[in-house]
Amino acid sequence: QVQPRESGGGSVQAGGSLRLSCVGSGWSYMAWFRQAPGKERTGVASTARRSGETHYADSVKGRFTIRRDSDENTVYLELNSLKPEDSGMYYCAARNKLFIGYWLSAGEYSDWGQGTQVTVSS
């Protein structure tokens, strides 16, 4: 089983940075999603354990970076140049199947963390 655990959220001012961490095991794909109050959950970034291939939502390209640690159990999401609209609960999600069809689709992921809050003030 894959049981992701995420951490690293906090409150920062616009333009600041955070690094989120997700620890899991037995995963093939790991992704970050976020959800603001009253909004739908959307994919932010994802990566594959084997290849390191990454995918990003257009809204975060050039600002966020997802990478896996050398131990292949930890995935980081580096959030830079944060904007207030980046605020929300960030969830780590894992998929343990060999192939994936939609990297940033929540339905592709079966194991979810409890979330870590990111708040960006103006």
C-alpha atoms as a PDB file:
ATOM      1  CA  GLN A   1       0.000   0.000   0.000  1.00  0.00           C
ATOM      2  CA  VAL A   2       0.963   3.585  -0.583  1.00  0.00           C
ATOM      3  CA  GLN A   3       0.199   5.964   2.250  1.00  0.00           C
ATOM      4  CA  PRO A   4       1.397   9.450   1.331  1.00  0.00           C
ATOM      5  CA  ARG A   5       2.174  11.965   4.041  1.00  0.00           C
ATOM      6  CA  GLU A   6       2.692  15.591   3.111  1.00  0.00           C
ATOM      7  CA  SER A   7       4.131  18.472   5.060  1.00  0.00           C
ATOM      8  CA  GLY A   8       5.722  21.865   4.621  1.00  0.00           C
ATOM      9  CA  GLY A   9       2.759  24.176   4.244  1.00  0.00           C
ATOM     10  CA  GLY A  10       2.624  27.560   5.852  1.00  0.00           C
ATOM     11  CA  SER A  11       1.819  31.226   5.455  1.00  0.00           C
ATOM     12  CA  VAL A  12       3.942  33.458   3.263  1.00  0.00           C
ATOM     13  CA  GLN A  13       3.693  36.789   1.549  1.00  0.00           C
ATOM     14  CA  ALA A  14       3.270  37.110  -2.178  1.00  0.00           C
ATOM     15  CA  GLY A  15       6.532  36.464  -3.951  1.00  0.00           C
ATOM     16  CA  GLY A  16       7.724  34.100  -1.259  1.00  0.00           C
ATOM     17  CA  SER A  17       8.584  30.435  -1.439  1.00  0.00           C
ATOM     18  CA  LEU A  18       7.707  27.178   0.229  1.00  0.00           C
ATOM     19  CA  ARG A  19       8.824  23.607  -0.139  1.00  0.00           C
ATOM     20  CA  LEU A  20       6.305  20.857   0.346  1.00  0.00           C
ATOM     21  CA  SER A  21       7.325  17.274   1.008  1.00  0.00           C
ATOM     22  CA  CYS A  22       5.482  14.051   0.402  1.00  0.00           C
ATOM     23  CA  VAL A  23       6.660  10.705   1.694  1.00  0.00           C
ATOM     24  CA  GLY A  24       5.278   7.493   0.316  1.00  0.00           C
ATOM     25  CA  SER A  25       6.274   4.056  -0.835  1.00  0.00           C
ATOM     26  CA  GLY A  26       5.508   1.683  -3.644  1.00  0.00           C
ATOM     27  CA  TRP A  27       4.343   4.449  -5.959  1.00  0.00           C
ATOM     28  CA  SER A  28       4.755   4.784  -9.677  1.00  0.00           C
ATOM     29  CA  TYR A  29       3.377   8.292 -10.013  1.00  0.00           C
ATOM     30  CA  MET A  30       3.119  11.046  -7.456  1.00  0.00           C
ATOM     31  CA  ALA A  31       1.217  14.275  -7.879  1.00  0.00           C
ATOM     32  CA  TRP A  32       0.260  17.411  -6.053  1.00  0.00           C
ATOM     33  CA  PHE A  33      -3.245  18.815  -6.126  1.00  0.00           C
ATOM     34  CA  ARG A  34      -4.666  21.891  -4.522  1.00  0.00           C
ATOM     35  CA  GLN A  35      -8.090  23.088  -3.526  1.00  0.00           C
ATOM     36  CA  ALA A  36      -9.209  26.515  -2.448  1.00  0.00           C
ATOM     37  CA  PRO A  37     -12.393  26.974  -0.404  1.00  0.00           C
ATOM     38  CA  GLY A  38     -15.427  26.650  -2.639  1.00  0.00           C
ATOM     39  CA  LYS A  39     -13.307  25.587  -5.604  1.00  0.00           C
ATOM     40  CA  GLU A  40     -12.701  22.252  -7.250  1.00  0.00           C
ATOM     41  CA  ARG A  41      -9.547  20.286  -6.666  1.00  0.00           C
ATOM     42  CA  THR A  42      -7.071  20.732  -9.497  1.00  0.00           C
ATOM     43  CA  GLY A  43      -3.798  19.125 -10.421  1.00  0.00           C
ATOM     44  CA  VAL A  44      -0.652  21.152  -9.889  1.00  0.00           C
ATOM     45  CA  ALA A  45       2.277  18.916 -10.765  1.00  0.00           C
ATOM     46  CA  SER A  46       3.117  15.260 -11.136  1.00  0.00           C
ATOM     47  CA  THR A  47       6.110  13.038 -11.648  1.00  0.00           C
ATOM     48  CA  ALA A  48       6.969   9.435 -12.407  1.00  0.00           C
ATOM     49  CA  ARG A  49       9.240   7.449 -10.125  1.00  0.00           C
ATOM     50  CA  ARG A  50      11.001   5.542 -12.879  1.00  0.00           C
ATOM     51  CA  SER A  51      11.685   8.253 -15.410  1.00  0.00           C
ATOM     52  CA  GLY A  52      11.379  11.475 -13.450  1.00  0.00           C
ATOM     53  CA  GLU A  53       9.091  12.853 -16.128  1.00  0.00           C
ATOM     54  CA  THR A  54       7.166  15.856 -14.896  1.00  0.00           C
ATOM     55  CA  HIS A  55       3.942  17.582 -15.806  1.00  0.00           C
ATOM     56  CA  TYR A  56       2.687  20.943 -14.627  1.00  0.00           C
ATOM     57  CA  ALA A  57      -0.486  22.918 -14.710  1.00  0.00           C
ATOM     58  CA  ASP A  58      -0.189  25.990 -16.895  1.00  0.00           C
ATOM     59  CA  SER A  59      -0.834  28.224 -13.913  1.00  0.00           C
ATOM     60  CA  VAL A  60       2.343  27.122 -12.133  1.00  0.00           C
ATOM     61  CA  LYS A  61       4.781  26.497 -14.981  1.00  0.00           C
ATOM     62  CA  GLY A  62       8.043  28.286 -14.392  1.00  0.00           C
ATOM     63  CA  ARG A  63       7.236  28.875 -10.722  1.00  0.00           C
ATOM     64  CA  PHE A  64       6.781  25.416  -9.206  1.00  0.00           C
ATOM     65  CA  THR A  65       9.125  22.463  -9.451  1.00  0.00           C
ATOM     66  CA  ILE A  66       8.360  18.859  -8.591  1.00  0.00           C
ATOM     67  CA  ARG A  67      11.199  16.452  -8.026  1.00  0.00           C
ATOM     68  CA  ARG A  68      11.824  13.130  -6.394  1.00  0.00           C
ATOM     69  CA  ASP A  69      14.513  12.515  -3.846  1.00  0.00           C
ATOM     70  CA  SER A  70      17.298  10.029  -4.409  1.00  0.00           C
ATOM     71  CA  ASP A  71      15.616   7.580  -2.049  1.00  0.00           C
ATOM     72  CA  GLU A  72      12.621   7.562  -4.409  1.00  0.00           C
ATOM     73  CA  ASN A  73      10.294   7.724  -1.442  1.00  0.00           C
ATOM     74  CA  THR A  74      10.110  11.473  -1.078  1.00  0.00           C
ATOM     75  CA  VAL A  75       8.723  13.934  -3.582  1.00  0.00           C
ATOM     76  CA  TYR A  76       9.140  17.665  -3.202  1.00  0.00           C
ATOM     77  CA  LEU A  77       7.135  20.505  -4.591  1.00  0.00           C
ATOM     78  CA  GLU A  78       9.039  23.765  -4.600  1.00  0.00           C
ATOM     79  CA  LEU A  79       6.731  26.731  -4.810  1.00  0.00           C
ATOM     80  CA  ASN A  80       8.351  29.975  -5.889  1.00  0.00           C
ATOM     81  CA  SER A  81       7.036  33.420  -6.749  1.00  0.00           C
ATOM     82  CA  LEU A  82       3.882  32.599  -4.865  1.00  0.00           C
ATOM     83  CA  LYS A  83       0.696  34.466  -5.604  1.00  0.00           C
ATOM     84  CA  PRO A  84      -2.419  34.820  -3.455  1.00  0.00           C
ATOM     85  CA  GLU A  85      -4.300  32.666  -5.937  1.00  0.00           C
ATOM     86  CA  ASP A  86      -1.926  29.819  -5.092  1.00  0.00           C
ATOM     87  CA  SER A  87      -3.494  29.599  -1.647  1.00  0.00           C
ATOM     88  CA  GLY A  88      -5.299  26.430  -0.730  1.00  0.00           C
ATOM     89  CA  MET A  89      -4.986  22.995   0.710  1.00  0.00           C
ATOM     90  CA  TYR A  90      -2.290  21.043  -1.078  1.00  0.00           C
ATOM     91  CA  TYR A  91      -2.668  17.301  -1.307  1.00  0.00           C
ATOM     92  CA  CYS A  92      -0.155  14.672  -2.242  1.00  0.00           C
ATOM     93  CA  ALA A  93      -1.538  11.771  -4.226  1.00  0.00           C
ATOM     94  CA  ALA A  94       0.008   8.514  -5.359  1.00  0.00           C
ATOM     95  CA  ARG A  95      -0.675   5.985  -8.070  1.00  0.00           C
ATOM     96  CA  ASN A  96       0.886   2.535  -8.008  1.00  0.00           C
ATOM     97  CA  LYS A  97      -0.084   1.266 -11.437  1.00  0.00           C
ATOM     98  CA  LEU A  98       2.391   0.980 -14.270  1.00  0.00           C
ATOM     99  CA  PHE A  99       0.760   3.360 -16.720  1.00  0.00           C
ATOM    100  CA  ILE A 100      -1.096   6.611 -16.415  1.00  0.00           C
ATOM    101  CA  GLY A 101      -3.397   8.354 -18.834  1.00  0.00           C
ATOM    102  CA  TYR A 102      -3.931  11.801 -17.347  1.00  0.00           C
ATOM    103  CA  TRP A 103      -1.137  12.997 -15.131  1.00  0.00           C
ATOM    104  CA  LEU A 104      -3.062  15.806 -13.483  1.00  0.00           C
ATOM    105  CA  SER A 105      -6.417  14.105 -13.151  1.00  0.00           C
ATOM    106  CA  ALA A 106      -7.456  13.311  -9.592  1.00  0.00           C
ATOM    107  CA  GLY A 107      -9.193  10.137 -10.709  1.00  0.00           C
ATOM    108  CA  GLU A 108      -5.861   8.600 -11.665  1.00  0.00           C
ATOM    109  CA  TYR A 109      -4.665   8.588  -8.068  1.00  0.00           C
ATOM    110  CA  SER A 110      -5.877   6.215  -5.397  1.00  0.00           C
ATOM    111  CA  ASP A 111      -3.867   7.142  -2.300  1.00  0.00           C
ATOM    112  CA  TRP A 112      -4.106  10.591  -0.808  1.00  0.00           C
ATOM    113  CA  GLY A 113      -2.531  12.473   2.031  1.00  0.00           C
ATOM    114  CA  GLN A 114      -4.456  14.607   4.480  1.00  0.00           C
ATOM    115  CA  GLY A 115      -3.263  17.865   2.991  1.00  0.00           C
ATOM    116  CA  THR A 116      -1.089  20.752   4.041  1.00  0.00           C
ATOM    117  CA  GLN A 117      -2.289  24.338   4.010  1.00  0.00           C
ATOM    118  CA  VAL A 118      -0.620  27.007   1.913  1.00  0.00           C
ATOM    119  CA  THR A 119      -1.661  30.590   2.498  1.00  0.00           C
ATOM    120  CA  VAL A 120      -0.239  33.429   0.429  1.00  0.00           C
ATOM    121  CA  SER A 121      -1.041  36.955   1.509  1.00  0.00           C
ATOM    122  CA  SER A 122      -0.958  40.074  -0.633  1.00  0.00           C
END
